[in-house]
């Protein structure tokens, strides 16, 4: 699935819920469905800076693609990271670095999240793109 296909799928899923309380419940469900991150990756080095809650994000580069695992100590935040993992995990560094992330605005998240959660979500995306750029540079050197 491409990045845009994953984003479109999230937009379609959110369209099923007319009320924001239902959308928040869905975000919480995404949090519960997020595969557990291996405990060894819940380190200070993997914490996303700029999030009010604690969010761990671990990249793994294999077969030319980056696979992300993540966790958070807050359910809504964990649901948010689950969405960005769904969109960006399993893509090449170039695809991630070049991706235009539009689902956040399309589903209305930017206007319905507190400023601190919104900043945290942007920090997660920024970190994922930084990992992509780093892996891209590393593969050019090899």
C-alpha atoms as a PDB file:
ATOM      1  CA  UNK A   1       0.000   0.000   0.000  1.00  0.00           C
ATOM      2  CA  UNK A   2       1.368   3.422  -0.911  1.00  0.00           C
ATOM      3  CA  UNK A   3       1.540   6.356   1.499  1.00  0.00           C
ATOM      4  CA  UNK A   4      -1.339   8.103  -0.273  1.00  0.00           C
ATOM      5  CA  UNK A   5      -3.442   4.920  -0.295  1.00  0.00           C
ATOM      6  CA  UNK A   6      -2.922   4.574   3.475  1.00  0.00           C
ATOM      7  CA  UNK A   7      -3.852   8.225   3.995  1.00  0.00           C
ATOM      8  CA  UNK A   8      -6.975   7.833   1.828  1.00  0.00           C
ATOM      9  CA  UNK A   9      -7.956   4.750   3.831  1.00  0.00           C
ATOM     10  CA  UNK A  10      -7.716   6.704   7.093  1.00  0.00           C
ATOM     11  CA  UNK A  11      -9.788   9.534   5.587  1.00  0.00           C
ATOM     12  CA  UNK A  12     -12.451   7.000   4.520  1.00  0.00           C
ATOM     13  CA  UNK A  13     -12.474   5.367   7.959  1.00  0.00           C
ATOM     14  CA  UNK A  14     -12.951   8.722   9.697  1.00  0.00           C
ATOM     15  CA  UNK A  15     -15.781   9.644   7.296  1.00  0.00           C
ATOM     16  CA  UNK A  16     -17.867   6.858   8.894  1.00  0.00           C
ATOM     17  CA  UNK A  17     -18.034   8.815  12.161  1.00  0.00           C
ATOM     18  CA  UNK A  18     -20.168  11.967  12.050  1.00  0.00           C
ATOM     19  CA  UNK A  19     -19.390  13.084  15.617  1.00  0.00           C
ATOM     20  CA  UNK A  20     -15.980  13.937  17.030  1.00  0.00           C
ATOM     21  CA  UNK A  21     -16.562  11.844  20.152  1.00  0.00           C
ATOM     22  CA  UNK A  22     -16.890   8.814  17.865  1.00  0.00           C
ATOM     23  CA  UNK A  23     -13.704   9.819  16.059  1.00  0.00           C
ATOM     24  CA  UNK A  24     -11.862  10.058  19.389  1.00  0.00           C
ATOM     25  CA  UNK A  25     -13.164   6.604  20.290  1.00  0.00           C
ATOM     26  CA  UNK A  26     -11.819   5.333  16.978  1.00  0.00           C
ATOM     27  CA  UNK A  27      -8.418   6.927  17.696  1.00  0.00           C
ATOM     28  CA  UNK A  28      -8.429   5.106  21.057  1.00  0.00           C
ATOM     29  CA  UNK A  29      -9.262   1.849  19.247  1.00  0.00           C
ATOM     30  CA  UNK A  30      -6.308   2.418  16.898  1.00  0.00           C
ATOM     31  CA  UNK A  31      -4.146   2.845  20.001  1.00  0.00           C
ATOM     32  CA  UNK A  32      -5.304  -0.490  21.359  1.00  0.00           C
ATOM     33  CA  UNK A  33      -4.618  -2.171  17.999  1.00  0.00           C
ATOM     34  CA  UNK A  34      -1.081  -0.788  17.657  1.00  0.00           C
ATOM     35  CA  UNK A  35       1.385  -3.690  17.864  1.00  0.00           C
ATOM     36  CA  UNK A  36       3.476  -3.506  21.023  1.00  0.00           C
ATOM     37  CA  UNK A  37       6.939  -2.044  20.721  1.00  0.00           C
ATOM     38  CA  UNK A  38       9.701  -4.304  22.028  1.00  0.00           C
ATOM     39  CA  UNK A  39      10.600  -3.172  25.546  1.00  0.00           C
ATOM     40  CA  UNK A  40      14.271  -2.747  24.611  1.00  0.00           C
ATOM     41  CA  UNK A  41      13.267   0.165  22.343  1.00  0.00           C
ATOM     42  CA  UNK A  42      11.463   2.112  25.073  1.00  0.00           C
ATOM     43  CA  UNK A  43      14.587   4.155  25.719  1.00  0.00           C
ATOM     44  CA  UNK A  44      15.336   7.829  26.161  1.00  0.00           C
ATOM     45  CA  UNK A  45      16.951   7.832  22.700  1.00  0.00           C
ATOM     46  CA  UNK A  46      13.649   6.784  21.091  1.00  0.00           C
ATOM     47  CA  UNK A  47      11.444   9.363  22.844  1.00  0.00           C
ATOM     48  CA  UNK A  48       9.939  11.963  20.527  1.00  0.00           C
ATOM     49  CA  UNK A  49      10.891  15.445  21.652  1.00  0.00           C
ATOM     50  CA  UNK A  50       8.030  17.948  21.555  1.00  0.00           C
ATOM     51  CA  UNK A  51       5.298  15.606  22.761  1.00  0.00           C
ATOM     52  CA  UNK A  52       3.534  16.307  26.029  1.00  0.00           C
ATOM     53  CA  UNK A  53       3.038  12.570  26.541  1.00  0.00           C
ATOM     54  CA  UNK A  54       5.860  10.092  26.314  1.00  0.00           C
ATOM     55  CA  UNK A  55       6.078   8.640  22.803  1.00  0.00           C
ATOM     56  CA  UNK A  56       8.648   6.068  21.764  1.00  0.00           C
ATOM     57  CA  UNK A  57       9.385   5.561  18.077  1.00  0.00           C
ATOM     58  CA  UNK A  58      11.780   2.942  16.758  1.00  0.00           C
ATOM     59  CA  UNK A  59      12.797   2.632  13.101  1.00  0.00           C
ATOM     60  CA  UNK A  60      14.112  -0.552  11.587  1.00  0.00           C
ATOM     61  CA  UNK A  61      15.655  -0.499   8.114  1.00  0.00           C
ATOM     62  CA  UNK A  62      15.372  -3.748   6.176  1.00  0.00           C
ATOM     63  CA  UNK A  63      15.104  -4.642   2.517  1.00  0.00           C
ATOM     64  CA  UNK A  64      15.330  -0.972   1.551  1.00  0.00           C
ATOM     65  CA  UNK A  65      12.305   0.056   3.617  1.00  0.00           C
ATOM     66  CA  UNK A  66      11.773   1.576   7.055  1.00  0.00           C
ATOM     67  CA  UNK A  67       9.466  -0.170   9.499  1.00  0.00           C
ATOM     68  CA  UNK A  68       8.344   1.768  12.550  1.00  0.00           C
ATOM     69  CA  UNK A  69       7.143   0.535  15.908  1.00  0.00           C
ATOM     70  CA  UNK A  70       5.843   2.927  18.522  1.00  0.00           C
ATOM     71  CA  UNK A  71       4.126   3.340  21.861  1.00  0.00           C
ATOM     72  CA  UNK A  72       2.858   6.097  24.128  1.00  0.00           C
ATOM     73  CA  UNK A  73       1.755   6.400  27.729  1.00  0.00           C
ATOM     74  CA  UNK A  74      -1.426   8.273  26.638  1.00  0.00           C
ATOM     75  CA  UNK A  75      -4.203   6.587  24.638  1.00  0.00           C
ATOM     76  CA  UNK A  76      -5.075   9.458  22.276  1.00  0.00           C
ATOM     77  CA  UNK A  77      -1.394  10.081  21.558  1.00  0.00           C
ATOM     78  CA  UNK A  78      -0.850   6.362  21.000  1.00  0.00           C
ATOM     79  CA  UNK A  79      -3.734   6.419  18.510  1.00  0.00           C
ATOM     80  CA  UNK A  80      -2.146   9.357  16.699  1.00  0.00           C
ATOM     81  CA  UNK A  81       1.205   7.600  16.444  1.00  0.00           C
ATOM     82  CA  UNK A  82      -0.630   4.468  15.256  1.00  0.00           C
ATOM     83  CA  UNK A  83      -2.008   6.489  12.330  1.00  0.00           C
ATOM     84  CA  UNK A  84       1.370   7.892  11.264  1.00  0.00           C
ATOM     85  CA  UNK A  85       2.953   4.448  11.617  1.00  0.00           C
ATOM     86  CA  UNK A  86       0.183   3.039   9.386  1.00  0.00           C
ATOM     87  CA  UNK A  87       0.860   5.718   6.777  1.00  0.00           C
ATOM     88  CA  UNK A  88       4.682   5.699   6.732  1.00  0.00           C
ATOM     89  CA  UNK A  89       5.849   2.271   7.926  1.00  0.00           C
ATOM     90  CA  UNK A  90       7.012  -0.140   5.246  1.00  0.00           C
ATOM     91  CA  UNK A  91       7.942   2.593   2.765  1.00  0.00           C
ATOM     92  CA  UNK A  92      11.327   3.504   1.299  1.00  0.00           C
ATOM     93  CA  UNK A  93      13.301   6.367   2.830  1.00  0.00           C
ATOM     94  CA  UNK A  94      12.747   8.450  -0.323  1.00  0.00           C
ATOM     95  CA  UNK A  95       8.986   7.867  -0.278  1.00  0.00           C
ATOM     96  CA  UNK A  96       8.813   8.903   3.392  1.00  0.00           C
ATOM     97  CA  UNK A  97      11.065  11.936   2.938  1.00  0.00           C
ATOM     98  CA  UNK A  98       9.087  13.121  -0.101  1.00  0.00           C
ATOM     99  CA  UNK A  99       5.611  12.334   1.277  1.00  0.00           C
ATOM    100  CA  UNK A 100       3.012  15.044   1.504  1.00  0.00           C
ATOM    101  CA  UNK A 101       0.981  14.263   4.620  1.00  0.00           C
ATOM    102  CA  UNK A 102      -2.561  15.469   4.027  1.00  0.00           C
ATOM    103  CA  UNK A 103      -4.769  13.136   6.081  1.00  0.00           C
ATOM    104  CA  UNK A 104      -4.345  15.216   9.252  1.00  0.00           C
ATOM    105  CA  UNK A 105      -6.082  18.230   7.710  1.00  0.00           C
ATOM    106  CA  UNK A 106      -8.545  16.125   5.704  1.00  0.00           C
ATOM    107  CA  UNK A 107      -9.988  14.415   8.794  1.00  0.00           C
ATOM    108  CA  UNK A 108      -9.965  17.650  10.799  1.00  0.00           C
ATOM    109  CA  UNK A 109      -7.396  16.589  13.367  1.00  0.00           C
ATOM    110  CA  UNK A 110      -5.520  19.875  13.332  1.00  0.00           C
ATOM    111  CA  UNK A 111      -8.636  21.769  14.434  1.00  0.00           C
ATOM    112  CA  UNK A 112      -9.798  19.179  16.987  1.00  0.00           C
ATOM    113  CA  UNK A 113      -6.551  18.493  18.833  1.00  0.00           C
ATOM    114  CA  UNK A 114      -5.185  20.614  21.625  1.00  0.00           C
ATOM    115  CA  UNK A 115      -2.154  22.685  20.577  1.00  0.00           C
ATOM    116  CA  UNK A 116       0.173  20.416  22.580  1.00  0.00           C
ATOM    117  CA  UNK A 117      -1.197  17.245  20.926  1.00  0.00           C
ATOM    118  CA  UNK A 118      -1.058  18.888  17.513  1.00  0.00           C
ATOM    119  CA  UNK A 119       2.581  19.864  18.102  1.00  0.00           C
ATOM    120  CA  UNK A 120       3.309  16.330  19.287  1.00  0.00           C
ATOM    121  CA  UNK A 121       1.800  14.853  16.125  1.00  0.00           C
ATOM    122  CA  UNK A 122       3.929  17.163  13.996  1.00  0.00           C
ATOM    123  CA  UNK A 123       7.001  16.160  16.043  1.00  0.00           C
ATOM    124  CA  UNK A 124       6.269  12.483  15.334  1.00  0.00           C
ATOM    125  CA  UNK A 125       6.042  13.132  11.589  1.00  0.00           C
ATOM    126  CA  UNK A 126       9.162  15.284  11.638  1.00  0.00           C
ATOM    127  CA  UNK A 127      11.140  12.552  13.428  1.00  0.00           C
ATOM    128  CA  UNK A 128       9.965   9.889  10.972  1.00  0.00           C
ATOM    129  CA  UNK A 129      11.043  12.062   8.047  1.00  0.00           C
ATOM    130  CA  UNK A 130      14.409  12.715   9.741  1.00  0.00           C
ATOM    131  CA  UNK A 131      14.948   8.952  10.060  1.00  0.00           C
ATOM    132  CA  UNK A 132      14.076   8.616   6.358  1.00  0.00           C
ATOM    133  CA  UNK A 133      16.572  11.299   5.346  1.00  0.00           C
ATOM    134  CA  UNK A 134      19.258   9.674   7.505  1.00  0.00           C
ATOM    135  CA  UNK A 135      18.659   6.213   6.000  1.00  0.00           C
ATOM    136  CA  UNK A 136      18.559   7.754   2.526  1.00  0.00           C
ATOM    137  CA  UNK A 137      21.946   9.432   3.084  1.00  0.00           C
ATOM    138  CA  UNK A 138      23.363   6.230   4.567  1.00  0.00           C
ATOM    139  CA  UNK A 139      22.281   4.124   1.591  1.00  0.00           C
ATOM    140  CA  UNK A 140      23.844   6.644  -0.828  1.00  0.00           C
ATOM    141  CA  UNK A 141      27.170   6.220   0.966  1.00  0.00           C
ATOM    142  CA  UNK A 142      27.091   2.432   0.688  1.00  0.00           C
END
